[in-house]
Amino acid sequence: MFKKSLTILSIASAFYLQAQDVSIIRNSVDVYSANPLTGSAKFNAMAGSMGALGGDLSAINTNPASVGVFITGNISGTLAINNSKTTSSFSNVANTYKLNNADIGQLGGVAVFETSGNTPWKFVNFGVNYTNQNLEEYIETPANSSYKFQDSNLVDTNGNPVTGTFTSLGHAYDRTGNLTNMNIAFGGNYDNKFYVGGSLNFKGATIEQYDSSRLSLDVDNNNSYVLNKQGTPYTEDANGFSVSAGIIGKINNNIRLGASIESPTWWTQYRTYSEVNEDNLGYYFDYYDEDRKFTSPMKATLSGAFVMNKNFAFNVDYSLGLTKPKYKVQGPAETQLNDFFQSEYKNLSELRVGGEYRYNNFRLRGGYGISNSPFENIYGKNNFIGKRETLGVGFGFDFKSFYIDAAYNKITTNSTNVYGDGNYYSLANNGDVEFFTNNPNTFTSKLEDVKNNVTLTLGWKF
């Protein structure tokens, strides 16, 4: 058995990887800053494009003026059935993993209060909507024997110093968890021409994240070991809050325009992580706790809709991030992250289009969305978080008081998967530190993630 005698310190090829796991960067954008990928079946079928139409509880996430469009009370619940397939390709070899889960994707209701008397305010409404998104993701990159690194600070079982070569046998990012969002919204209908609304948004996230490499060691008979990245695995429980406001204007019987803005989300992250440190007795492993304050970007959305008649409506949304992610500085780690986001992060934008056709009590819907990668200049394009395309189709039946909707979404993301470059450790069966080594190499693989989601919504109008 071999053990490290001291830590190797080296200059990493990218400063942001020295002290931070790549998954922190990915989760900062993909989890804490992204637009939600789930909602009611109607919302999903139209790829979330409802900013100038409103009238759906999940559309509060896009434009809270949506709650002002309702003219009847409404309660709905949505079952989300998710299938994901993730493929990581490295040197013409690919690993593919599939995951399946089902959960409650959306619950909500709106209460409608029709005004009386001689006032232009026709309705004053109050709505609550809850969404739940599964964050499970497993990315395993294949082995490549040409990727090696040496470690000259090993000692054998007799205490003799030796130099060994580690060979990469693969790498894995493994994430589980959920992202939730509860909107408490107020809205009104002014003279059937303008619809306004505001929302208080309470968000939550639970994450368990692993970053591990399988390595073989030549001076140990090429035995293989699974080593975790320093600082991982870690768990995070986070709470966030934002406010949003919006307006929808009916220009004429056919044209509607909408605009909304959401403040930054102010997150508090409670994290427990694993780390190897050194004292005068050698290396030791322990768990540590920390709190972080994170602010996601402010967002604005502009929308336009064409309503041909009572049978057909078409909507376009364009959303743009107005600021950059930022951590409250409590030490060098947050400074590194902020410097990275300041220099490398580009504003995240998303375009969504959607339409609905009605025939008697039958509804047919479709939509498409595309969002850019905020990272374009490191290791090529689409780093960490790639370009995302969303295709939605669905249908529904309206039975006067009750309605049922179904939707299918295909969400495809292509990105560059970055891993390696940092300290890694493994533990023996008795909990002692077995290895603590530095991998000076940065590797990249091509990553394709395809999500096939089915949602079913049951609602009641009153």
Protein backbone atom coordinates (compact mmCIF):
# COMPACT_ATOMS: atom_id res chain seq x y z
CA MET A 1 0.00 0.00 0.00
CA PHE A 2 1.25 3.49 -0.81
CA LYS A 3 0.56 6.72 0.99
CA LYS A 4 1.30 10.33 0.22
CA SER A 5 4.02 11.91 2.33
CA LEU A 6 3.17 15.52 1.55
CA THR A 7 0.86 17.66 -0.51
CA ILE A 8 1.94 18.64 -4.00
CA LEU A 9 1.10 22.22 -4.85
CA SER A 10 1.05 23.24 -8.50
CA ILE A 11 -0.28 26.05 -10.65
CA ALA A 12 -3.50 24.87 -12.22
CA SER A 13 -4.18 25.55 -15.88
CA ALA A 14 -7.24 27.61 -14.96
CA PHE A 15 -7.26 29.58 -11.72
CA TYR A 16 -10.88 28.88 -10.95
CA LEU A 17 -10.22 25.15 -10.68
CA GLN A 18 -7.53 25.46 -8.02
CA ALA A 19 -9.84 25.79 -5.04
CA GLN A 20 -13.27 25.13 -6.47
CA ASP A 21 -14.88 22.01 -7.79
CA VAL A 22 -16.29 22.48 -11.29
CA SER A 23 -19.67 21.31 -10.01
CA ILE A 24 -19.91 24.49 -7.91
CA ILE A 25 -19.70 26.57 -11.07
CA ARG A 26 -22.23 24.36 -12.86
CA ASN A 27 -24.68 24.37 -9.96
CA SER A 28 -24.36 28.14 -9.49
CA VAL A 29 -25.80 28.57 -12.99
CA ASP A 30 -27.79 25.39 -13.67
CA VAL A 31 -29.53 25.19 -10.28
CA TYR A 32 -29.45 28.59 -8.62
CA SER A 33 -29.76 30.89 -11.67
CA ALA A 34 -31.68 29.02 -14.40
CA ASN A 35 -35.30 29.34 -15.47
CA PRO A 36 -37.45 26.45 -14.19
CA LEU A 37 -37.84 23.44 -16.49
CA THR A 38 -41.15 22.23 -15.11
CA GLY A 39 -44.71 23.44 -14.63
CA SER A 40 -48.25 22.59 -15.64
CA ALA A 41 -48.80 20.42 -18.71
CA LYS A 42 -50.12 23.42 -20.66
CA PHE A 43 -47.04 25.48 -19.72
CA ASN A 44 -44.69 22.64 -20.68
CA ALA A 45 -46.45 21.89 -23.98
CA MET A 46 -45.93 25.52 -25.03
CA ALA A 47 -42.26 25.38 -23.91
CA GLY A 48 -43.04 27.92 -21.19
CA SER A 49 -44.02 30.60 -23.73
CA MET A 50 -47.01 32.34 -22.13
CA GLY A 51 -45.69 35.74 -21.07
CA ALA A 52 -48.27 37.81 -22.99
CA LEU A 53 -51.14 35.32 -22.68
CA GLY A 54 -51.18 34.43 -19.00
CA GLY A 55 -54.10 32.57 -17.53
CA ASP A 56 -51.97 29.65 -16.31
CA LEU A 57 -50.55 29.25 -12.82
CA SER A 58 -47.08 28.23 -14.02
CA ALA A 59 -46.91 31.33 -16.24
CA ILE A 60 -46.46 33.34 -13.02
CA ASN A 61 -42.79 32.29 -13.27
CA THR A 62 -42.55 34.11 -16.60
CA ASN A 63 -44.86 37.05 -15.92
CA PRO A 64 -46.79 37.46 -12.64
CA ALA A 65 -49.40 39.51 -14.52
CA SER A 66 -50.62 36.07 -15.60
CA VAL A 67 -52.61 35.87 -12.37
CA GLY A 68 -54.56 38.98 -13.37
CA VAL A 69 -55.88 37.29 -16.53
CA PHE A 70 -57.97 34.71 -14.64
CA ILE A 71 -61.73 35.31 -14.59
CA THR A 72 -62.59 32.11 -12.66
CA GLY A 73 -61.03 30.43 -9.67
CA ASN A 74 -58.67 27.59 -10.50
CA ILE A 75 -56.94 24.70 -8.73
CA SER A 76 -54.53 22.34 -10.48
CA GLY A 77 -52.00 19.61 -9.79
CA THR A 78 -49.40 18.06 -12.10
CA LEU A 79 -47.65 14.70 -12.15
CA ALA A 80 -44.18 14.84 -13.72
CA ILE A 81 -42.62 11.68 -15.19
CA ASN A 82 -38.99 12.26 -16.14
CA ASN A 83 -36.51 10.24 -18.18
CA SER A 84 -32.98 11.45 -18.84
CA LYS A 85 -30.16 10.05 -20.95
CA THR A 86 -26.66 11.47 -20.48
CA THR A 87 -23.80 10.59 -22.85
CA SER A 88 -20.19 11.61 -22.21
CA SER A 89 -17.81 11.04 -25.16
CA PHE A 90 -14.04 11.01 -24.83
CA SER A 91 -11.57 9.98 -27.58
CA ASN A 92 -14.27 8.25 -29.66
CA VAL A 93 -15.51 6.25 -26.65
CA ALA A 94 -18.85 7.05 -25.01
CA ASN A 95 -20.66 6.17 -21.79
CA THR A 96 -24.44 6.55 -21.60
CA TYR A 97 -26.59 6.44 -18.46
CA LYS A 98 -30.37 6.63 -18.11
CA LEU A 99 -32.36 7.80 -15.11
CA ASN A 100 -36.11 7.68 -14.44
CA ASN A 101 -38.25 9.26 -11.75
CA ALA A 102 -41.78 10.48 -11.10
CA ASP A 103 -42.95 13.14 -8.65
CA ILE A 104 -45.41 15.97 -8.13
CA GLY A 105 -44.27 18.67 -10.54
CA GLN A 106 -46.77 21.44 -9.82
CA LEU A 107 -49.54 22.38 -7.40
CA GLY A 108 -51.42 25.64 -7.21
CA GLY A 109 -54.57 27.66 -7.12
CA VAL A 110 -55.95 31.12 -7.79
CA ALA A 111 -58.84 32.92 -6.12
CA VAL A 112 -60.73 35.45 -8.25
CA PHE A 113 -62.59 38.42 -6.76
CA GLU A 114 -64.87 40.27 -9.17
CA THR A 115 -65.30 43.89 -8.20
CA SER A 116 -68.58 45.74 -8.02
CA GLY A 117 -69.50 49.34 -8.51
CA ASN A 118 -68.29 51.88 -11.02
CA THR A 119 -64.58 51.03 -11.13
CA PRO A 120 -62.31 50.14 -14.05
CA TRP A 121 -60.77 47.34 -11.97
CA LYS A 122 -62.76 44.29 -13.08
CA PHE A 123 -60.98 41.60 -11.03
CA VAL A 124 -58.51 41.41 -8.17
CA ASN A 125 -56.89 37.98 -7.91
CA PHE A 126 -54.63 36.06 -5.55
CA GLY A 127 -52.65 32.98 -6.57
CA VAL A 128 -50.21 30.45 -5.13
CA ASN A 129 -48.15 28.11 -7.28
CA TYR A 130 -45.55 25.48 -6.33
CA THR A 131 -43.15 23.72 -8.72
CA ASN A 132 -40.74 20.88 -8.04
CA GLN A 133 -37.86 19.98 -10.38
CA ASN A 134 -35.73 16.84 -10.01
CA LEU A 135 -31.99 17.61 -10.25
CA GLU A 136 -30.66 14.07 -10.52
CA GLU A 137 -27.77 13.79 -12.98
CA TYR A 138 -25.02 11.22 -13.54
CA ILE A 139 -22.12 11.90 -15.92
CA GLU A 140 -19.49 9.19 -16.33
CA THR A 141 -16.62 9.81 -18.74
CA PRO A 142 -14.79 6.78 -20.18
CA ALA A 143 -11.19 5.86 -19.44
CA ASN A 144 -8.28 6.97 -21.58
CA SER A 145 -4.93 5.33 -20.91
CA SER A 146 -3.02 8.17 -22.60
CA TYR A 147 -3.95 10.55 -19.77
CA LYS A 148 -1.42 10.02 -16.98
CA PHE A 149 0.33 12.03 -14.31
CA GLN A 150 3.28 11.29 -12.03
CA ASP A 151 3.50 11.60 -8.27
CA SER A 152 7.01 11.70 -6.78
CA ASN A 153 5.87 11.94 -3.16
CA LEU A 154 4.68 8.39 -2.57
CA VAL A 155 6.09 6.02 0.02
CA ASP A 156 5.85 2.25 -0.03
CA THR A 157 4.88 0.03 2.88
CA ASN A 158 8.51 0.03 4.08
CA GLY A 159 8.65 3.81 4.16
CA ASN A 160 10.80 4.15 1.06
CA PRO A 161 10.08 7.08 -1.30
CA VAL A 162 8.94 6.06 -4.78
CA THR A 163 7.60 7.76 -7.88
CA GLY A 164 4.43 6.37 -9.35
CA THR A 165 2.29 7.07 -12.38
CA PHE A 166 -1.47 7.35 -12.11
CA THR A 167 -3.55 6.48 -15.19
CA SER A 168 -7.09 7.72 -15.69
CA LEU A 169 -9.72 4.96 -15.75
CA GLY A 170 -12.68 7.33 -15.89
CA HIS A 171 -14.42 10.17 -14.09
CA ALA A 172 -17.93 10.74 -12.71
CA TYR A 173 -20.08 13.65 -11.62
CA ASP A 174 -23.05 12.41 -9.61
CA ARG A 175 -25.76 14.80 -8.41
CA THR A 176 -29.09 14.19 -6.69
CA GLY A 177 -31.58 16.65 -5.29
CA ASN A 178 -34.57 18.88 -5.97
CA LEU A 179 -35.26 22.52 -6.82
CA THR A 180 -38.54 24.03 -5.62
CA ASN A 181 -40.23 27.37 -6.18
CA MET A 182 -43.33 28.77 -4.49
CA ASN A 183 -44.93 31.89 -5.99
CA ILE A 184 -47.35 33.99 -3.97
CA ALA A 185 -48.87 36.33 -6.53
CA PHE A 186 -51.34 39.21 -6.63
CA GLY A 187 -52.87 40.57 -9.82
CA GLY A 188 -55.62 42.64 -11.30
CA ASN A 189 -57.60 43.29 -14.46
CA TYR A 190 -57.90 46.96 -15.37
CA ASP A 191 -60.77 47.66 -17.77
CA ASN A 192 -60.10 44.40 -19.65
CA LYS A 193 -57.15 46.19 -21.28
CA PHE A 194 -54.29 45.92 -18.82
CA TYR A 195 -53.36 43.06 -16.53
CA VAL A 196 -50.83 43.63 -13.76
CA GLY A 197 -49.27 41.39 -11.16
CA GLY A 198 -46.54 40.93 -8.62
CA SER A 199 -45.09 37.86 -6.97
CA LEU A 200 -43.06 36.88 -3.94
CA ASN A 201 -40.93 33.89 -4.89
CA PHE A 202 -39.66 31.47 -2.25
CA LYS A 203 -37.12 28.99 -3.60
CA GLY A 204 -35.39 25.97 -2.15
CA ALA A 205 -32.70 23.53 -3.26
CA THR A 206 -31.25 20.32 -1.85
CA ILE A 207 -28.14 18.91 -3.52
CA GLU A 208 -25.81 16.00 -2.90
CA GLN A 209 -22.80 16.25 -5.22
CA TYR A 210 -19.95 13.83 -5.97
CA ASP A 211 -16.84 14.39 -8.13
CA SER A 212 -14.71 11.25 -8.35
CA SER A 213 -11.98 9.74 -10.54
CA ARG A 214 -10.91 6.13 -10.92
CA LEU A 215 -7.12 5.87 -11.19
CA SER A 216 -4.66 2.99 -11.46
CA LEU A 217 -1.13 3.14 -10.00
CA ASP A 218 1.72 1.39 -11.82
CA VAL A 219 3.95 0.83 -8.75
CA ASP A 220 1.03 -0.86 -6.97
CA ASN A 221 0.54 -3.60 -9.59
CA ASN A 222 -1.81 -1.26 -11.49
CA ASN A 223 -4.45 -1.62 -8.81
CA SER A 224 -7.27 0.88 -9.25
CA TYR A 225 -8.71 3.28 -6.69
CA VAL A 226 -11.66 5.67 -6.62
CA LEU A 227 -10.51 9.10 -5.47
CA ASN A 228 -12.80 12.00 -4.56
CA LYS A 229 -12.05 15.60 -5.46
CA GLN A 230 -10.96 17.66 -2.46
CA GLY A 231 -14.06 19.31 -0.98
CA THR A 232 -16.39 16.56 -2.21
CA PRO A 233 -18.73 14.89 -1.70
CA TYR A 234 -20.78 17.78 -0.39
CA THR A 235 -24.40 18.44 0.46
CA GLU A 236 -26.21 21.76 0.18
CA ASP A 237 -29.51 22.93 1.58
CA ALA A 238 -30.38 26.36 0.24
CA ASN A 239 -33.18 28.88 0.58
CA GLY A 240 -33.74 31.78 -1.80
CA PHE A 241 -36.07 34.72 -2.22
CA SER A 242 -36.90 37.06 -5.09
CA VAL A 243 -39.66 39.46 -6.12
CA SER A 244 -41.10 39.93 -9.59
CA ALA A 245 -43.59 42.20 -11.31
CA GLY A 246 -45.20 42.30 -14.72
CA ILE A 247 -47.79 43.77 -17.03
CA ILE A 248 -49.79 42.55 -20.02
CA GLY A 249 -51.43 45.04 -22.35
CA LYS A 250 -54.21 44.26 -24.82
CA ILE A 251 -53.33 46.52 -27.74
CA ASN A 252 -56.39 45.40 -29.69
CA ASN A 253 -58.45 42.25 -30.04
CA ASN A 254 -55.53 40.46 -31.70
CA ILE A 255 -52.30 41.83 -30.23
CA ARG A 256 -51.03 41.58 -26.67
CA LEU A 257 -47.69 42.73 -25.28
CA GLY A 258 -46.12 41.75 -21.97
CA ALA A 259 -43.12 42.71 -19.88
CA SER A 260 -41.82 41.46 -16.56
CA ILE A 261 -38.78 41.73 -14.36
CA GLU A 262 -37.50 39.52 -11.56
CA SER A 263 -35.05 40.74 -8.95
CA PRO A 264 -31.91 38.76 -8.21
CA THR A 265 -32.59 35.71 -6.08
CA TRP A 266 -30.86 36.05 -2.73
CA TRP A 267 -29.74 32.58 -1.69
CA THR A 268 -28.36 31.28 1.59
CA GLN A 269 -26.53 27.98 1.10
CA TYR A 270 -25.84 25.65 4.02
CA ARG A 271 -23.10 23.26 3.01
CA THR A 272 -21.39 20.21 4.51
CA TYR A 273 -18.30 19.02 2.65
CA SER A 274 -15.47 16.49 2.94
CA GLU A 275 -11.81 17.44 2.99
CA VAL A 276 -8.35 16.04 3.73
CA ASN A 277 -5.96 18.20 5.76
CA GLU A 278 -2.53 17.76 7.30
CA ASP A 279 -1.09 18.25 10.77
CA ASN A 280 2.16 17.17 12.44
CA LEU A 281 0.84 13.60 12.67
CA GLY A 282 0.09 13.35 8.95
CA TYR A 283 -3.05 13.50 6.85
CA TYR A 284 -6.53 13.29 8.31
CA PHE A 285 -10.07 13.34 6.90
CA ASP A 286 -12.97 15.31 8.32
CA TYR A 287 -16.31 16.98 7.54
CA TYR A 288 -16.78 20.74 7.59
CA ASP A 289 -19.75 23.11 7.54
CA GLU A 290 -20.07 26.54 5.98
CA ASP A 291 -22.73 29.08 5.01
CA ARG A 292 -22.55 30.99 1.76
CA LYS A 293 -24.55 33.92 0.41
CA PHE A 294 -25.18 33.81 -3.33
CA THR A 295 -27.02 36.24 -5.60
CA SER A 296 -28.33 35.00 -8.94
CA PRO A 297 -28.79 37.39 -11.90
CA MET A 298 -31.71 39.77 -12.29
CA LYS A 299 -33.90 38.81 -15.27
CA ALA A 300 -36.19 40.65 -17.67
CA THR A 301 -38.71 39.18 -20.12
CA LEU A 302 -40.44 40.79 -23.10
CA SER A 303 -43.42 39.03 -24.66
CA GLY A 304 -45.77 39.37 -27.58
CA ALA A 305 -48.89 37.40 -28.47
CA PHE A 306 -51.18 37.16 -31.46
CA VAL A 307 -54.73 36.01 -30.71
CA MET A 308 -56.43 35.31 -34.03
CA ASN A 309 -59.77 34.42 -32.48
CA LYS A 310 -61.07 32.29 -29.65
CA ASN A 311 -59.61 29.24 -31.37
CA PHE A 312 -55.94 30.15 -31.87
CA ALA A 313 -53.23 32.01 -29.95
CA PHE A 314 -49.47 32.34 -30.51
CA ASN A 315 -46.88 33.72 -28.06
CA VAL A 316 -43.20 34.73 -28.12
CA ASP A 317 -41.03 35.34 -25.02
CA TYR A 318 -37.48 36.64 -24.82
CA SER A 319 -35.72 36.53 -21.44
CA LEU A 320 -32.34 38.08 -20.64
CA GLY A 321 -30.17 38.03 -17.54
CA LEU A 322 -29.21 41.59 -16.59
CA THR A 323 -26.52 40.95 -13.99
CA LYS A 324 -23.96 38.26 -13.16
CA PRO A 325 -23.85 35.61 -10.43
CA LYS A 326 -22.09 36.78 -7.30
CA TYR A 327 -21.05 35.27 -3.96
CA LYS A 328 -20.67 37.29 -0.80
CA VAL A 329 -16.93 37.31 -0.14
CA GLN A 330 -15.97 35.49 3.04
CA GLY A 331 -12.55 34.31 1.89
CA PRO A 332 -10.42 33.49 -1.18
CA ALA A 333 -12.87 30.87 -2.50
CA GLU A 334 -15.66 33.39 -3.09
CA THR A 335 -13.17 35.87 -4.54
CA GLN A 336 -12.03 33.28 -7.10
CA LEU A 337 -15.60 32.45 -8.04
CA ASN A 338 -16.58 36.11 -8.43
CA ASP A 339 -13.48 36.86 -10.51
CA PHE A 340 -14.33 33.93 -12.76
CA PHE A 341 -17.97 34.96 -13.22
CA GLN A 342 -16.97 38.57 -13.81
CA SER A 343 -14.51 37.70 -16.58
CA GLU A 344 -16.05 34.62 -18.21
CA TYR A 345 -19.81 34.71 -17.64
CA LYS A 346 -21.99 36.11 -20.43
CA ASN A 347 -25.60 37.10 -19.85
CA LEU A 348 -27.91 34.13 -20.19
CA SER A 349 -30.70 34.60 -22.75
CA GLU A 350 -33.63 32.44 -23.81
CA LEU A 351 -36.15 32.60 -26.67
CA ARG A 352 -39.46 30.69 -26.40
CA VAL A 353 -42.36 30.39 -28.84
CA GLY A 354 -45.63 28.56 -28.25
CA GLY A 355 -49.13 28.21 -29.61
CA GLU A 356 -52.53 26.75 -28.76
CA TYR A 357 -55.41 25.71 -31.02
CA ARG A 358 -58.90 25.15 -29.58
CA TYR A 359 -61.74 23.22 -31.14
CA ASN A 360 -64.82 22.93 -28.93
CA ASN A 361 -63.50 21.36 -25.72
CA PHE A 362 -60.26 20.04 -27.28
CA ARG A 363 -56.89 21.87 -27.08
CA LEU A 364 -53.76 21.20 -29.13
CA ARG A 365 -50.48 22.87 -28.10
CA GLY A 366 -46.86 23.11 -29.15
CA GLY A 367 -43.75 25.12 -28.38
CA TYR A 368 -40.01 25.52 -28.85
CA GLY A 369 -37.33 27.19 -26.75
CA ILE A 370 -33.60 27.80 -27.05
CA SER A 371 -31.14 29.24 -24.54
CA ASN A 372 -27.46 30.06 -24.94
CA SER A 373 -24.45 28.97 -22.91
CA PRO A 374 -23.11 31.72 -20.64
CA PHE A 375 -19.57 30.33 -21.05
CA GLU A 376 -18.10 30.55 -24.54
CA ASN A 377 -14.37 31.21 -24.35
CA ILE A 378 -12.91 28.42 -22.19
CA TYR A 379 -11.99 25.07 -23.74
CA GLY A 380 -14.16 25.95 -26.75
CA LYS A 381 -17.90 26.59 -26.66
CA ASN A 382 -20.74 25.52 -24.36
CA ASN A 383 -18.57 24.94 -21.30
CA PHE A 384 -20.09 23.72 -18.02
CA ILE A 385 -23.61 24.74 -19.13
CA GLY A 386 -24.39 24.23 -22.80
CA LYS A 387 -26.90 25.49 -25.31
CA ARG A 388 -30.32 24.08 -24.45
CA GLU A 389 -33.19 23.35 -26.84
CA THR A 390 -36.72 22.56 -25.67
CA LEU A 391 -39.46 21.01 -27.79
CA GLY A 392 -42.98 20.70 -26.40
CA VAL A 393 -46.25 19.19 -27.64
CA GLY A 394 -49.48 18.48 -25.81
CA PHE A 395 -53.23 18.37 -25.74
CA GLY A 396 -56.07 18.93 -23.33
CA PHE A 397 -59.78 18.48 -22.76
CA ASP A 398 -62.02 21.03 -21.05
CA PHE A 399 -65.11 19.60 -19.35
CA LYS A 400 -66.55 22.93 -18.17
CA SER A 401 -65.59 22.79 -14.49
CA PHE A 402 -62.85 20.18 -14.88
CA TYR A 403 -59.98 19.95 -17.33
CA ILE A 404 -57.16 17.53 -18.04
CA ASP A 405 -53.95 18.32 -19.93
CA ALA A 406 -51.01 16.21 -21.08
CA ALA A 407 -47.63 17.26 -22.45
CA TYR A 408 -44.38 15.81 -23.74
CA ASN A 409 -41.09 17.72 -23.58
CA LYS A 410 -37.75 16.90 -25.10
CA ILE A 411 -34.97 19.03 -23.61
CA THR A 412 -31.54 18.63 -25.25
CA THR A 413 -28.34 20.17 -23.90
CA ASN A 414 -24.91 19.91 -25.54
CA SER A 415 -21.90 21.06 -23.57
CA THR A 416 -18.22 20.58 -22.86
CA ASN A 417 -17.69 18.56 -19.69
CA VAL A 418 -14.64 19.83 -17.77
CA TYR A 419 -12.99 17.73 -15.05
CA GLY A 420 -9.67 16.92 -13.39
CA ASP A 421 -7.07 19.48 -12.24
CA GLY A 422 -6.96 19.46 -8.47
CA ASN A 423 -6.31 17.49 -5.31
CA TYR A 424 -7.91 14.06 -4.95
CA TYR A 425 -8.04 11.68 -2.00
CA SER A 426 -9.14 8.18 -1.09
CA LEU A 427 -9.80 6.55 2.27
CA ALA A 428 -8.83 3.09 3.51
CA ASN A 429 -11.42 0.78 5.04
CA ASN A 430 -10.53 2.01 8.53
CA GLY A 431 -11.14 5.64 7.53
CA ASP A 432 -7.48 6.63 7.28
CA VAL A 433 -6.28 8.65 4.32
CA GLU A 434 -5.00 6.21 1.71
CA PHE A 435 -3.97 8.64 -1.03
CA PHE A 436 -3.80 12.41 -1.33
CA THR A 437 -2.49 13.41 -4.73
CA ASN A 438 -2.66 16.24 -7.22
CA ASN A 439 -3.90 15.76 -10.77
CA PRO A 440 -2.35 18.64 -12.78
CA ASN A 441 -4.33 17.87 -15.94
CA THR A 442 -7.58 19.36 -17.16
CA PHE A 443 -9.66 17.02 -19.31
CA THR A 444 -12.75 17.72 -21.40
CA SER A 445 -15.37 15.44 -22.90
CA LYS A 446 -18.35 16.06 -25.13
CA LEU A 447 -21.59 15.87 -23.20
CA GLU A 448 -25.13 15.40 -24.45
CA ASP A 449 -28.04 15.37 -22.03
CA VAL A 450 -31.51 14.48 -23.31
CA LYS A 451 -34.54 14.75 -21.04
CA ASN A 452 -37.85 13.22 -22.11
CA ASN A 453 -40.55 14.47 -19.76
CA VAL A 454 -44.25 13.67 -19.61
CA THR A 455 -46.59 15.79 -17.49
CA LEU A 456 -50.26 15.26 -16.64
CA THR A 457 -52.36 18.05 -15.13
CA LEU A 458 -55.79 17.79 -13.55
CA GLY A 459 -57.59 21.04 -12.81
CA TRP A 460 -60.85 22.42 -11.47
CA LYS A 461 -62.36 25.81 -12.34
CA PHE A 462 -64.87 27.40 -9.98
